[in-house]
Structure formats: structure tokens, C-alpha cells
Amino acid sequence: MTPKLTATTLATSSCNMAQPLIHLRPCGAALSSSEAHRSLLDALEAHQVAVEFQCRSGYCGACRLRLLAGEVKYHREPLAFVGRGEILPCCCQPVDDIELELSSPPPKL
């Protein structure tokens, strides 16, 4: 049986594809990401979320975060080691809604 799609369902699906949400743990904030952001790190910085970084190219691994849910795609494979459940936000974009674990709480939005 095919589910019935409504205008609301289609609009929601289109919005999610164009702008994945970035859910931050442990604070629970949900931030938008857009194609205007060159990387996930850029999106986090646009929302004033402080993430340690150095190279912005995937070489050093300083920006390493835990990906709890969702999927990201890399512009190019990072040279720094990326363990299971980790991402380098400096060189990737969310494919769909994601959930990240931050080591320190972000500013209140």
C-alpha cells in the first residue's frame, strides 16, 4: 500500500532536503544548514556554535565531533584519522538531518 502524500508532506520533505537540521546534544538545539554553507563547520559557525578547528581541510582532525545520527558526505576524503561514529565538520556537509554530540555546551539561542 502506497502512503498518501499531502501538500504538507511534500513541502516538509522538500524543506528537509534543501535544509537539513543539525541537532546538538546535550543541549537539544536544532539548527538549519543550507547550501550557502560550504561545510558543516561553516553552518555551525553561522549559528555561533564554537568548534575547535585549525586547517579547515581535513588534515589535522582538530574539529572532530561525534555523529550520533544521520549521514554526512565529504567534499574530499579527510587525511586525518576518522574513527567510527566521528566526523570532521570542516570538510563535510549533512546529507539529511543529523545529530551531533558537542563536548561543551553551545551558546543559548
C-alpha atoms as a PDB file:
ATOM      1  CA  MET A   1       0.000   0.000   0.000  1.00  0.00           C
ATOM      2  CA  THR A   2       1.413   3.389  -1.012  1.00  0.00           C
ATOM      3  CA  PRO A   3       1.153   6.127   1.633  1.00  0.00           C
ATOM      4  CA  LYS A   4      -0.937   9.139   0.669  1.00  0.00           C
ATOM      5  CA  LEU A   5       1.212  12.247   0.227  1.00  0.00           C
ATOM      6  CA  THR A   6      -0.339  15.569   1.098  1.00  0.00           C
ATOM      7  CA  ALA A   7       0.827  19.073   0.248  1.00  0.00           C
ATOM      8  CA  THR A   8       2.125  19.372   3.811  1.00  0.00           C
ATOM      9  CA  THR A   9       4.108  16.130   3.498  1.00  0.00           C
ATOM     10  CA  LEU A  10       5.654  17.226   0.200  1.00  0.00           C
ATOM     11  CA  ALA A  11       6.511  20.704   1.500  1.00  0.00           C
ATOM     12  CA  THR A  12       8.108  19.226   4.612  1.00  0.00           C
ATOM     13  CA  SER A  13      10.094  16.731   2.536  1.00  0.00           C
ATOM     14  CA  SER A  14      11.302  19.444   0.177  1.00  0.00           C
ATOM     15  CA  CYS A  15      12.375  21.676   3.047  1.00  0.00           C
ATOM     16  CA  ASN A  16      14.268  18.869   4.766  1.00  0.00           C
ATOM     17  CA  MET A  17      16.121  18.010   1.559  1.00  0.00           C
ATOM     18  CA  ALA A  18      17.103  21.633   0.961  1.00  0.00           C
ATOM     19  CA  GLN A  19      17.929  22.441   4.574  1.00  0.00           C
ATOM     20  CA  PRO A  20      18.936  19.560   6.818  1.00  0.00           C
ATOM     21  CA  LEU A  21      18.588  20.171  10.532  1.00  0.00           C
ATOM     22  CA  ILE A  22      21.575  19.872  12.847  1.00  0.00           C
ATOM     23  CA  HIS A  23      20.501  18.618  16.279  1.00  0.00           C
ATOM     24  CA  LEU A  24      23.018  19.330  19.041  1.00  0.00           C
ATOM     25  CA  ARG A  25      23.404  17.177  22.141  1.00  0.00           C
ATOM     26  CA  PRO A  26      23.320  17.530  25.060  1.00  0.00           C
ATOM     27  CA  CYS A  27      21.619  20.954  24.743  1.00  0.00           C
ATOM     28  CA  GLY A  28      18.882  19.866  22.293  1.00  0.00           C
ATOM     29  CA  ALA A  29      19.198  22.862  19.941  1.00  0.00           C
ATOM     30  CA  ALA A  30      18.167  22.359  16.299  1.00  0.00           C
ATOM     31  CA  LEU A  31      19.976  24.478  13.692  1.00  0.00           C
ATOM     32  CA  SER A  32      19.433  24.770   9.949  1.00  0.00           C
ATOM     33  CA  SER A  33      22.050  24.097   7.324  1.00  0.00           C
ATOM     34  CA  SER A  34      21.912  25.388   3.776  1.00  0.00           C
ATOM     35  CA  GLU A  35      23.803  25.090   0.513  1.00  0.00           C
ATOM     36  CA  ALA A  36      25.246  28.547   1.252  1.00  0.00           C
ATOM     37  CA  HIS A  37      27.404  26.906   3.930  1.00  0.00           C
ATOM     38  CA  ARG A  38      30.498  25.386   2.351  1.00  0.00           C
ATOM     39  CA  SER A  39      30.817  22.901   5.189  1.00  0.00           C
ATOM     40  CA  LEU A  40      29.133  21.724   8.351  1.00  0.00           C
ATOM     41  CA  LEU A  41      31.705  23.777  10.274  1.00  0.00           C
ATOM     42  CA  ASP A  42      30.552  26.903   8.387  1.00  0.00           C
ATOM     43  CA  ALA A  43      26.932  26.143   9.319  1.00  0.00           C
ATOM     44  CA  LEU A  44      27.840  25.697  12.986  1.00  0.00           C
ATOM     45  CA  GLU A  45      29.832  28.938  12.990  1.00  0.00           C
ATOM     46  CA  ALA A  46      26.936  30.786  11.313  1.00  0.00           C
ATOM     47  CA  HIS A  47      24.834  29.807  14.347  1.00  0.00           C
ATOM     48  CA  GLN A  48      27.635  30.890  16.721  1.00  0.00           C
ATOM     49  CA  VAL A  49      28.466  27.350  17.846  1.00  0.00           C
ATOM     50  CA  ALA A  50      32.137  27.267  18.795  1.00  0.00           C
ATOM     51  CA  VAL A  51      34.018  24.285  17.357  1.00  0.00           C
ATOM     52  CA  GLU A  52      37.789  23.906  17.670  1.00  0.00           C
ATOM     53  CA  PHE A  53      39.473  23.842  14.253  1.00  0.00           C
ATOM     54  CA  GLN A  54      42.803  24.582  12.586  1.00  0.00           C
ATOM     55  CA  CYS A  55      43.116  23.552   8.956  1.00  0.00           C
ATOM     56  CA  ARG A  56      39.514  23.570   7.564  1.00  0.00           C
ATOM     57  CA  SER A  57      40.623  20.873   5.109  1.00  0.00           C
ATOM     58  CA  GLY A  58      40.507  17.552   6.953  1.00  0.00           C
ATOM     59  CA  TYR A  59      44.259  17.371   7.572  1.00  0.00           C
ATOM     60  CA  CYS A  60      44.539  17.913  11.328  1.00  0.00           C
ATOM     61  CA  GLY A  61      41.400  16.415  12.898  1.00  0.00           C
ATOM     62  CA  ALA A  62      41.070  19.243  15.445  1.00  0.00           C
ATOM     63  CA  CYS A  63      37.372  19.760  14.637  1.00  0.00           C
ATOM     64  CA  ARG A  64      36.432  16.100  15.240  1.00  0.00           C
ATOM     65  CA  LEU A  65      32.844  15.599  16.533  1.00  0.00           C
ATOM     66  CA  ARG A  66      30.706  12.553  17.327  1.00  0.00           C
ATOM     67  CA  LEU A  67      27.904  11.866  14.851  1.00  0.00           C
ATOM     68  CA  LEU A  68      25.060  10.285  16.821  1.00  0.00           C
ATOM     69  CA  ALA A  69      22.528  10.035  13.970  1.00  0.00           C
ATOM     70  CA  GLY A  70      22.224  10.880  10.283  1.00  0.00           C
ATOM     71  CA  GLU A  71      24.711  10.934   7.463  1.00  0.00           C
ATOM     72  CA  VAL A  72      27.285  13.368   6.091  1.00  0.00           C
ATOM     73  CA  LYS A  73      29.164  13.480   2.791  1.00  0.00           C
ATOM     74  CA  TYR A  74      32.745  14.619   2.444  1.00  0.00           C
ATOM     75  CA  HIS A  75      33.866  17.065  -0.259  1.00  0.00           C
ATOM     76  CA  ARG A  76      37.091  15.061  -0.324  1.00  0.00           C
ATOM     77  CA  GLU A  77      38.234  12.268   1.945  1.00  0.00           C
ATOM     78  CA  PRO A  78      39.951  13.695   5.024  1.00  0.00           C
ATOM     79  CA  LEU A  79      43.594  12.806   5.604  1.00  0.00           C
ATOM     80  CA  ALA A  80      43.175  12.859   9.397  1.00  0.00           C
ATOM     81  CA  PHE A  81      42.042   9.623  11.006  1.00  0.00           C
ATOM     82  CA  VAL A  82      38.260   9.495  11.440  1.00  0.00           C
ATOM     83  CA  GLY A  83      37.055   6.831  13.850  1.00  0.00           C
ATOM     84  CA  ARG A  84      33.720   5.053  13.814  1.00  0.00           C
ATOM     85  CA  GLY A  85      30.956   7.479  14.755  1.00  0.00           C
ATOM     86  CA  GLU A  86      33.178  10.531  14.222  1.00  0.00           C
ATOM     87  CA  ILE A  87      33.149  13.247  11.574  1.00  0.00           C
ATOM     88  CA  LEU A  88      35.288  16.213  10.604  1.00  0.00           C
ATOM     89  CA  PRO A  89      32.809  19.078  10.117  1.00  0.00           C
ATOM     90  CA  CYS A  90      35.398  21.229   8.311  1.00  0.00           C
ATOM     91  CA  CYS A  91      35.142  19.140   5.151  1.00  0.00           C
ATOM     92  CA  CYS A  92      31.669  17.598   5.115  1.00  0.00           C
ATOM     93  CA  GLN A  93      28.005  18.507   4.643  1.00  0.00           C
ATOM     94  CA  PRO A  94      24.928  16.869   6.159  1.00  0.00           C
ATOM     95  CA  VAL A  95      23.062  14.632   3.693  1.00  0.00           C
ATOM     96  CA  ASP A  96      19.941  14.736   5.843  1.00  0.00           C
ATOM     97  CA  ASP A  97      19.069  15.663   9.425  1.00  0.00           C
ATOM     98  CA  ILE A  98      21.945  14.843  11.764  1.00  0.00           C
ATOM     99  CA  GLU A  99      22.579  14.717  15.486  1.00  0.00           C
ATOM    100  CA  LEU A 100      25.951  15.787  16.885  1.00  0.00           C
ATOM    101  CA  GLU A 101      27.450  15.496  20.343  1.00  0.00           C
ATOM    102  CA  LEU A 102      29.238  18.636  21.476  1.00  0.00           C
ATOM    103  CA  SER A 103      31.894  18.446  24.164  1.00  0.00           C
ATOM    104  CA  SER A 104      30.996  21.866  25.563  1.00  0.00           C
ATOM    105  CA  PRO A 105      27.554  23.486  25.586  1.00  0.00           C
ATOM    106  CA  PRO A 106      26.875  25.978  22.769  1.00  0.00           C
ATOM    107  CA  PRO A 107      25.617  29.490  23.481  1.00  0.00           C
ATOM    108  CA  LYS A 108      21.921  29.944  24.269  1.00  0.00           C
ATOM    109  CA  LEU A 109      19.911  30.676  21.123  1.00  0.00           C
END
